[in-house]
Amino acid sequence: MWRAGLEKGMSINETVASEKSSARARWKQDPEGVRANILAVALEEFAANGLSGARMDEIAAKTRSSKRMIYYYFGDKETLYLKALEAAYKKVRQGEEQLDLEHLGPREALTRLVEFTFEHHRNNPAFIRLVMIENIHHGRYLEQSAEIKSLNEAAISQIERVYSKGAATGVFREGLAPLRIHWLISAMSFFNVSNATTFSMLFGQELLSAAGQTALKGDVSETVLRFVAA
């Protein structure tokens, strides 16, 4: 960005002042957009380097904002980490809400949910790494978030509605806790990403190819449907 200013004949001080003025203008015009940008960058940095390894200077350098503005919005690095964690969970739960499962039969609804979870995790490895990092911290920050707990309660409620409909119509067997179904879906979709590096080193790249991932997604769906089938 400095280079553009210098190419216009501006001094370094003038260029810095211009960039600060632009940052203030963006903040005033679109504060939510600036905040979302900070969270997106922070999520990637925390996922790549962990809470202790991530640097606020590096996060600021990659955003459309400034370090000062990050502290204005989030206070400190630990709060920024917690908010990034909440944003990551919110993204997956919002995606689940948009699936419109109420208008589908129970088998179709559960299949759509499984396939969404598999694809979301596959396409958002930073989310998986962030969850792994939070496990290293023994859930210390997740425990502080009432929002994450509420989001995940909604996820279980969604599975419960699908399962209850299937059980009531005789499609699914009775006596299953929705949490067990959620665990099964999450476990296989999570492993596909969390252990991709070591698994491929041991057994090759076949399952990480486009065809391999399509096959695995089908396997996960079939496994879950067989588990709940009447």
C-alpha atoms as a PDB file:
ATOM      1  CA  MET A   1       0.000   0.000   0.000  1.00  0.00           C
ATOM      2  CA  TRP A   2       2.871   2.368   0.766  1.00  0.00           C
ATOM      3  CA  ARG A   3       4.281   1.775  -2.714  1.00  0.00           C
ATOM      4  CA  ALA A   4       1.114   3.127  -4.320  1.00  0.00           C
ATOM      5  CA  GLY A   5       1.412   6.332  -2.324  1.00  0.00           C
ATOM      6  CA  LEU A   6       5.110   6.723  -3.060  1.00  0.00           C
ATOM      7  CA  GLU A   7       4.487   6.182  -6.764  1.00  0.00           C
ATOM      8  CA  LYS A   8       2.142   9.183  -6.642  1.00  0.00           C
ATOM      9  CA  GLY A   9       4.977  11.338  -5.330  1.00  0.00           C
ATOM     10  CA  MET A  10       3.886  11.283  -1.701  1.00  0.00           C
ATOM     11  CA  SER A  11       6.390  11.072   1.143  1.00  0.00           C
ATOM     12  CA  ILE A  12       6.339   8.131   3.548  1.00  0.00           C
ATOM     13  CA  ASN A  13       4.730  10.294   6.252  1.00  0.00           C
ATOM     14  CA  GLU A  14       2.099  11.519   3.811  1.00  0.00           C
ATOM     15  CA  THR A  15       1.427   7.968   2.670  1.00  0.00           C
ATOM     16  CA  VAL A  16       1.020   6.717   6.252  1.00  0.00           C
ATOM     17  CA  ALA A  17      -1.294   9.601   7.065  1.00  0.00           C
ATOM     18  CA  SER A  18      -3.347   8.866   3.947  1.00  0.00           C
ATOM     19  CA  GLU A  19      -3.692   5.201   4.862  1.00  0.00           C
ATOM     20  CA  LYS A  20      -4.750   6.063   8.429  1.00  0.00           C
ATOM     21  CA  SER A  21      -7.344   8.473   7.040  1.00  0.00           C
ATOM     22  CA  SER A  22      -8.672   5.752   4.700  1.00  0.00           C
ATOM     23  CA  ALA A  23      -8.859   3.279   7.587  1.00  0.00           C
ATOM     24  CA  ARG A  24     -10.874   5.763   9.667  1.00  0.00           C
ATOM     25  CA  ALA A  25     -13.199   6.376   6.741  1.00  0.00           C
ATOM     26  CA  ARG A  26     -13.809   2.634   6.282  1.00  0.00           C
ATOM     27  CA  TRP A  27     -14.497   2.256  10.001  1.00  0.00           C
ATOM     28  CA  LYS A  28     -17.072   5.052   9.979  1.00  0.00           C
ATOM     29  CA  GLN A  29     -18.768   3.874   6.786  1.00  0.00           C
ATOM     30  CA  ASP A  30     -18.856   0.144   7.543  1.00  0.00           C
ATOM     31  CA  PRO A  31     -17.991  -0.692  11.161  1.00  0.00           C
ATOM     32  CA  GLU A  32     -19.555  -4.164  10.951  1.00  0.00           C
ATOM     33  CA  GLY A  33     -17.602  -4.930   7.795  1.00  0.00           C
ATOM     34  CA  VAL A  34     -14.357  -3.858   9.455  1.00  0.00           C
ATOM     35  CA  ARG A  35     -15.158  -5.979  12.496  1.00  0.00           C
ATOM     36  CA  ALA A  36     -15.988  -8.993  10.326  1.00  0.00           C
ATOM     37  CA  ASN A  37     -12.732  -8.535   8.407  1.00  0.00           C
ATOM     38  CA  ILE A  38     -10.740  -8.476  11.646  1.00  0.00           C
ATOM     39  CA  LEU A  39     -12.444 -11.649  12.860  1.00  0.00           C
ATOM     40  CA  ALA A  40     -11.850 -13.476   9.564  1.00  0.00           C
ATOM     41  CA  VAL A  41      -8.143 -12.634   9.591  1.00  0.00           C
ATOM     42  CA  ALA A  42      -7.822 -13.422  13.297  1.00  0.00           C
ATOM     43  CA  LEU A  43      -9.464 -16.810  12.835  1.00  0.00           C
ATOM     44  CA  GLU A  44      -6.888 -17.800  10.213  1.00  0.00           C
ATOM     45  CA  GLU A  45      -3.989 -16.506  12.303  1.00  0.00           C
ATOM     46  CA  PHE A  46      -5.093 -18.262  15.491  1.00  0.00           C
ATOM     47  CA  ALA A  47      -5.764 -21.456  13.546  1.00  0.00           C
ATOM     48  CA  ALA A  48      -2.296 -21.337  11.993  1.00  0.00           C
ATOM     49  CA  ASN A  49      -0.280 -20.257  15.034  1.00  0.00           C
ATOM     50  CA  GLY A  50      -2.372 -20.903  18.132  1.00  0.00           C
ATOM     51  CA  LEU A  51      -3.323 -18.371  20.777  1.00  0.00           C
ATOM     52  CA  SER A  52       0.213 -17.859  22.044  1.00  0.00           C
ATOM     53  CA  GLY A  53       1.843 -17.875  18.600  1.00  0.00           C
ATOM     54  CA  ALA A  54      -0.518 -15.433  16.893  1.00  0.00           C
ATOM     55  CA  ARG A  55       0.673 -11.816  16.848  1.00  0.00           C
ATOM     56  CA  MET A  56      -1.593  -8.786  16.930  1.00  0.00           C
ATOM     57  CA  ASP A  57       0.817  -6.898  14.651  1.00  0.00           C
ATOM     58  CA  GLU A  58       0.489  -9.650  12.044  1.00  0.00           C
ATOM     59  CA  ILE A  59      -3.302  -9.688  12.317  1.00  0.00           C
ATOM     60  CA  ALA A  60      -3.441  -5.903  11.949  1.00  0.00           C
ATOM     61  CA  ALA A  61      -1.145  -5.984   8.917  1.00  0.00           C
ATOM     62  CA  LYS A  62      -3.517  -8.370   7.106  1.00  0.00           C
ATOM     63  CA  THR A  63      -6.740  -6.499   7.878  1.00  0.00           C
ATOM     64  CA  ARG A  64      -8.286  -3.359   6.418  1.00  0.00           C
ATOM     65  CA  SER A  65      -7.935  -1.808   9.847  1.00  0.00           C
ATOM     66  CA  SER A  66      -5.205  -0.937  12.354  1.00  0.00           C
ATOM     67  CA  LYS A  67      -3.867  -2.456  15.554  1.00  0.00           C
ATOM     68  CA  ARG A  68      -5.416   0.398  17.491  1.00  0.00           C
ATOM     69  CA  MET A  69      -8.821  -0.328  15.951  1.00  0.00           C
ATOM     70  CA  ILE A  70      -8.523  -4.032  16.792  1.00  0.00           C
ATOM     71  CA  TYR A  71      -7.963  -3.158  20.446  1.00  0.00           C
ATOM     72  CA  TYR A  72     -10.872  -0.708  20.244  1.00  0.00           C
ATOM     73  CA  TYR A  73     -13.225  -3.458  19.075  1.00  0.00           C
ATOM     74  CA  PHE A  74     -11.931  -6.410  21.072  1.00  0.00           C
ATOM     75  CA  GLY A  75      -9.876  -5.142  23.996  1.00  0.00           C
ATOM     76  CA  ASP A  76      -7.106  -7.752  24.027  1.00  0.00           C
ATOM     77  CA  LYS A  77      -5.822 -10.813  22.205  1.00  0.00           C
ATOM     78  CA  GLU A  78      -7.666 -13.331  24.366  1.00  0.00           C
ATOM     79  CA  THR A  79     -10.990 -11.610  23.737  1.00  0.00           C
ATOM     80  CA  LEU A  80     -10.246 -11.504  20.013  1.00  0.00           C
ATOM     81  CA  TYR A  81      -9.490 -15.243  20.115  1.00  0.00           C
ATOM     82  CA  LEU A  82     -12.782 -15.940  21.891  1.00  0.00           C
ATOM     83  CA  LYS A  83     -14.733 -13.836  19.403  1.00  0.00           C
ATOM     84  CA  ALA A  84     -13.025 -15.594  16.487  1.00  0.00           C
ATOM     85  CA  LEU A  85     -13.973 -18.934  18.039  1.00  0.00           C
ATOM     86  CA  GLU A  86     -17.575 -17.775  18.381  1.00  0.00           C
ATOM     87  CA  ALA A  87     -17.614 -16.554  14.782  1.00  0.00           C
ATOM     88  CA  ALA A  88     -16.346 -19.939  13.582  1.00  0.00           C
ATOM     89  CA  TYR A  89     -19.109 -21.813  15.401  1.00  0.00           C
ATOM     90  CA  LYS A  90     -21.696 -19.287  14.294  1.00  0.00           C
ATOM     91  CA  LYS A  91     -20.780 -19.836  10.641  1.00  0.00           C
ATOM     92  CA  VAL A  92     -21.385 -23.583  10.744  1.00  0.00           C
ATOM     93  CA  ARG A  93     -24.600 -23.253  12.749  1.00  0.00           C
ATOM     94  CA  GLN A  94     -25.968 -20.579  10.418  1.00  0.00           C
ATOM     95  CA  GLY A  95     -25.219 -22.872   7.506  1.00  0.00           C
ATOM     96  CA  GLU A  96     -27.213 -25.637   9.189  1.00  0.00           C
ATOM     97  CA  GLU A  97     -30.166 -23.307   9.745  1.00  0.00           C
ATOM     98  CA  GLN A  98     -30.259 -22.446   6.048  1.00  0.00           C
ATOM     99  CA  LEU A  99     -30.660 -26.075   4.960  1.00  0.00           C
ATOM    100  CA  ASP A 100     -34.472 -25.842   5.219  1.00  0.00           C
ATOM    101  CA  LEU A 101     -34.800 -29.405   6.524  1.00  0.00           C
ATOM    102  CA  GLU A 102     -38.388 -29.059   7.755  1.00  0.00           C
ATOM    103  CA  HIS A 103     -39.767 -29.573   4.237  1.00  0.00           C
ATOM    104  CA  LEU A 104     -37.841 -32.809   3.612  1.00  0.00           C
ATOM    105  CA  GLY A 105     -38.505 -36.369   4.601  1.00  0.00           C
ATOM    106  CA  PRO A 106     -36.402 -37.582   7.577  1.00  0.00           C
ATOM    107  CA  ARG A 107     -33.917 -39.604   5.509  1.00  0.00           C
ATOM    108  CA  GLU A 108     -33.429 -36.766   3.012  1.00  0.00           C
ATOM    109  CA  ALA A 109     -33.121 -34.206   5.803  1.00  0.00           C
ATOM    110  CA  LEU A 110     -30.514 -36.207   7.686  1.00  0.00           C
ATOM    111  CA  THR A 111     -28.569 -36.867   4.481  1.00  0.00           C
ATOM    112  CA  ARG A 112     -28.516 -33.151   3.667  1.00  0.00           C
ATOM    113  CA  LEU A 113     -27.292 -32.348   7.176  1.00  0.00           C
ATOM    114  CA  VAL A 114     -24.533 -34.958   7.030  1.00  0.00           C
ATOM    115  CA  GLU A 115     -23.356 -33.801   3.605  1.00  0.00           C
ATOM    116  CA  PHE A 116     -23.377 -30.162   4.699  1.00  0.00           C
ATOM    117  CA  THR A 117     -21.274 -30.940   7.782  1.00  0.00           C
ATOM    118  CA  PHE A 118     -18.787 -32.983   5.765  1.00  0.00           C
ATOM    119  CA  GLU A 119     -18.427 -30.240   3.141  1.00  0.00           C
ATOM    120  CA  HIS A 120     -18.257 -27.414   5.681  1.00  0.00           C
ATOM    121  CA  HIS A 121     -15.436 -29.062   7.620  1.00  0.00           C
ATOM    122  CA  ARG A 122     -13.626 -29.993   4.426  1.00  0.00           C
ATOM    123  CA  ASN A 123     -13.817 -26.416   3.123  1.00  0.00           C
ATOM    124  CA  ASN A 124     -13.015 -24.744   6.457  1.00  0.00           C
ATOM    125  CA  PRO A 125      -9.847 -26.388   7.812  1.00  0.00           C
ATOM    126  CA  ALA A 126      -9.169 -23.284   9.943  1.00  0.00           C
ATOM    127  CA  PHE A 127     -12.329 -24.095  11.921  1.00  0.00           C
ATOM    128  CA  ILE A 128     -11.055 -27.611  12.586  1.00  0.00           C
ATOM    129  CA  ARG A 129      -7.627 -26.358  13.671  1.00  0.00           C
ATOM    130  CA  LEU A 130      -9.215 -23.766  15.936  1.00  0.00           C
ATOM    131  CA  VAL A 131     -11.336 -26.436  17.640  1.00  0.00           C
ATOM    132  CA  MET A 132      -8.212 -28.594  18.065  1.00  0.00           C
ATOM    133  CA  ILE A 133      -6.389 -25.638  19.637  1.00  0.00           C
ATOM    134  CA  GLU A 134      -9.292 -25.048  22.000  1.00  0.00           C
ATOM    135  CA  ASN A 135      -9.083 -28.710  23.038  1.00  0.00           C
ATOM    136  CA  ILE A 136      -5.402 -28.144  23.837  1.00  0.00           C
ATOM    137  CA  HIS A 137      -6.564 -25.323  26.117  1.00  0.00           C
ATOM    138  CA  HIS A 138      -9.046 -27.791  27.709  1.00  0.00           C
ATOM    139  CA  GLY A 139     -11.981 -25.711  26.491  1.00  0.00           C
ATOM    140  CA  ARG A 140     -10.981 -22.771  28.676  1.00  0.00           C
ATOM    141  CA  TYR A 141     -12.293 -20.113  26.304  1.00  0.00           C
ATOM    142  CA  LEU A 142     -15.231 -22.065  24.918  1.00  0.00           C
ATOM    143  CA  GLU A 143     -16.442 -22.488  28.493  1.00  0.00           C
ATOM    144  CA  GLN A 144     -16.665 -18.701  28.823  1.00  0.00           C
ATOM    145  CA  SER A 145     -19.000 -18.347  25.839  1.00  0.00           C
ATOM    146  CA  ALA A 146     -22.724 -18.544  26.437  1.00  0.00           C
ATOM    147  CA  GLU A 147     -23.196 -17.873  22.713  1.00  0.00           C
ATOM    148  CA  ILE A 148     -21.374 -21.041  21.613  1.00  0.00           C
ATOM    149  CA  LYS A 149     -23.343 -23.131  24.076  1.00  0.00           C
ATOM    150  CA  SER A 150     -26.586 -21.671  22.752  1.00  0.00           C
ATOM    151  CA  LEU A 151     -25.530 -22.276  19.145  1.00  0.00           C
ATOM    152  CA  ASN A 152     -24.753 -25.907  19.814  1.00  0.00           C
ATOM    153  CA  GLU A 153     -27.964 -26.476  21.730  1.00  0.00           C
ATOM    154  CA  ALA A 154     -29.757 -25.293  18.586  1.00  0.00           C
ATOM    155  CA  ALA A 155     -27.777 -27.810  16.526  1.00  0.00           C
ATOM    156  CA  ILE A 156     -28.898 -30.677  18.733  1.00  0.00           C
ATOM    157  CA  SER A 157     -32.486 -29.422  18.619  1.00  0.00           C
ATOM    158  CA  GLN A 158     -32.382 -29.508  14.823  1.00  0.00           C
ATOM    159  CA  ILE A 159     -31.226 -33.132  14.808  1.00  0.00           C
ATOM    160  CA  GLU A 160     -33.867 -33.958  17.404  1.00  0.00           C
ATOM    161  CA  ARG A 161     -36.625 -32.613  15.130  1.00  0.00           C
ATOM    162  CA  VAL A 162     -35.385 -34.640  12.176  1.00  0.00           C
ATOM    163  CA  TYR A 163     -34.924 -37.780  14.256  1.00  0.00           C
ATOM    164  CA  SER A 164     -38.298 -37.477  16.017  1.00  0.00           C
ATOM    165  CA  LYS A 165     -40.041 -37.158  12.670  1.00  0.00           C
ATOM    166  CA  GLY A 166     -38.258 -40.253  11.405  1.00  0.00           C
ATOM    167  CA  ALA A 167     -38.992 -42.247  14.550  1.00  0.00           C
ATOM    168  CA  ALA A 168     -42.651 -41.232  14.521  1.00  0.00           C
ATOM    169  CA  THR A 169     -43.068 -42.430  10.929  1.00  0.00           C
ATOM    170  CA  GLY A 170     -41.162 -45.666  11.499  1.00  0.00           C
ATOM    171  CA  VAL A 171     -38.219 -44.683   9.287  1.00  0.00           C
ATOM    172  CA  PHE A 172     -35.767 -44.407  12.206  1.00  0.00           C
ATOM    173  CA  ARG A 173     -35.467 -46.766  15.142  1.00  0.00           C
ATOM    174  CA  GLU A 174     -36.566 -45.511  18.519  1.00  0.00           C
ATOM    175  CA  GLY A 175     -34.452 -44.939  21.611  1.00  0.00           C
ATOM    176  CA  LEU A 176     -31.557 -42.914  20.153  1.00  0.00           C
ATOM    177  CA  ALA A 177     -30.342 -39.699  21.752  1.00  0.00           C
ATOM    178  CA  PRO A 178     -29.895 -36.934  19.136  1.00  0.00           C
ATOM    179  CA  LEU A 179     -26.539 -36.132  20.741  1.00  0.00           C
ATOM    180  CA  ARG A 180     -25.250 -39.558  19.666  1.00  0.00           C
ATOM    181  CA  ILE A 181     -26.233 -38.816  16.076  1.00  0.00           C
ATOM    182  CA  HIS A 182     -24.511 -35.442  16.247  1.00  0.00           C
ATOM    183  CA  TRP A 183     -21.379 -37.064  17.676  1.00  0.00           C
ATOM    184  CA  LEU A 184     -21.239 -39.604  14.873  1.00  0.00           C
ATOM    185  CA  ILE A 185     -21.620 -36.970  12.149  1.00  0.00           C
ATOM    186  CA  SER A 186     -19.061 -34.665  13.757  1.00  0.00           C
ATOM    187  CA  ALA A 187     -16.523 -37.399  14.476  1.00  0.00           C
ATOM    188  CA  MET A 188     -16.215 -38.629  10.902  1.00  0.00           C
ATOM    189  CA  SER A 189     -16.382 -35.184   9.296  1.00  0.00           C
ATOM    190  CA  PHE A 190     -13.812 -33.821  11.746  1.00  0.00           C
ATOM    191  CA  PHE A 191     -11.356 -36.704  11.332  1.00  0.00           C
ATOM    192  CA  ASN A 192     -11.436 -36.238   7.565  1.00  0.00           C
ATOM    193  CA  VAL A 193      -9.729 -32.868   8.061  1.00  0.00           C
ATOM    194  CA  SER A 194      -7.882 -33.112  11.377  1.00  0.00           C
ATOM    195  CA  ASN A 195      -5.948 -36.243  10.383  1.00  0.00           C
ATOM    196  CA  ALA A 196      -5.671 -35.625   6.654  1.00  0.00           C
ATOM    197  CA  THR A 197      -1.917 -34.965   6.715  1.00  0.00           C
ATOM    198  CA  THR A 198      -0.848 -37.995   8.737  1.00  0.00           C
ATOM    199  CA  PHE A 199      -3.401 -40.310   7.109  1.00  0.00           C
ATOM    200  CA  SER A 200      -2.274 -39.371   3.608  1.00  0.00           C
ATOM    201  CA  MET A 201       1.388 -39.782   4.554  1.00  0.00           C
ATOM    202  CA  LEU A 202       0.679 -43.286   5.789  1.00  0.00           C
ATOM    203  CA  PHE A 203      -1.778 -44.433   3.136  1.00  0.00           C
ATOM    204  CA  GLY A 204      -1.424 -42.112   0.156  1.00  0.00           C
ATOM    205  CA  GLN A 205      -3.498 -39.317  -1.374  1.00  0.00           C
ATOM    206  CA  GLU A 206      -6.329 -41.386  -2.837  1.00  0.00           C
ATOM    207  CA  LEU A 207      -8.961 -40.381  -0.282  1.00  0.00           C
ATOM    208  CA  LEU A 208      -7.990 -36.715  -0.469  1.00  0.00           C
ATOM    209  CA  SER A 209      -8.693 -36.519  -4.200  1.00  0.00           C
ATOM    210  CA  ALA A 210     -12.005 -35.095  -5.424  1.00  0.00           C
ATOM    211  CA  ALA A 211     -13.275 -38.600  -6.163  1.00  0.00           C
ATOM    212  CA  GLY A 212     -12.039 -39.871  -2.812  1.00  0.00           C
ATOM    213  CA  GLN A 213     -13.785 -37.091  -0.903  1.00  0.00           C
ATOM    214  CA  THR A 214     -17.030 -37.673  -2.772  1.00  0.00           C
ATOM    215  CA  ALA A 215     -16.863 -41.353  -1.882  1.00  0.00           C
ATOM    216  CA  LEU A 216     -16.133 -40.605   1.771  1.00  0.00           C
ATOM    217  CA  LYS A 217     -19.028 -38.183   1.977  1.00  0.00           C
ATOM    218  CA  GLY A 218     -21.283 -40.951   0.730  1.00  0.00           C
ATOM    219  CA  ASP A 219     -19.778 -43.375   3.227  1.00  0.00           C
ATOM    220  CA  VAL A 220     -20.442 -40.997   6.122  1.00  0.00           C
ATOM    221  CA  SER A 221     -24.041 -40.473   5.018  1.00  0.00           C
ATOM    222  CA  GLU A 222     -24.626 -44.205   4.641  1.00  0.00           C
ATOM    223  CA  THR A 223     -23.056 -44.921   8.040  1.00  0.00           C
ATOM    224  CA  VAL A 224     -25.285 -42.417   9.810  1.00  0.00           C
ATOM    225  CA  LEU A 225     -28.438 -43.563   7.993  1.00  0.00           C
ATOM    226  CA  ARG A 226     -27.723 -47.211   8.769  1.00  0.00           C
ATOM    227  CA  PHE A 227     -27.157 -46.260  12.423  1.00  0.00           C
ATOM    228  CA  VAL A 228     -30.563 -44.647  12.762  1.00  0.00           C
ATOM    229  CA  ALA A 229     -32.516 -46.926  10.411  1.00  0.00           C
ATOM    230  CA  ALA A 230     -35.515 -48.824  11.778  1.00  0.00           C
END
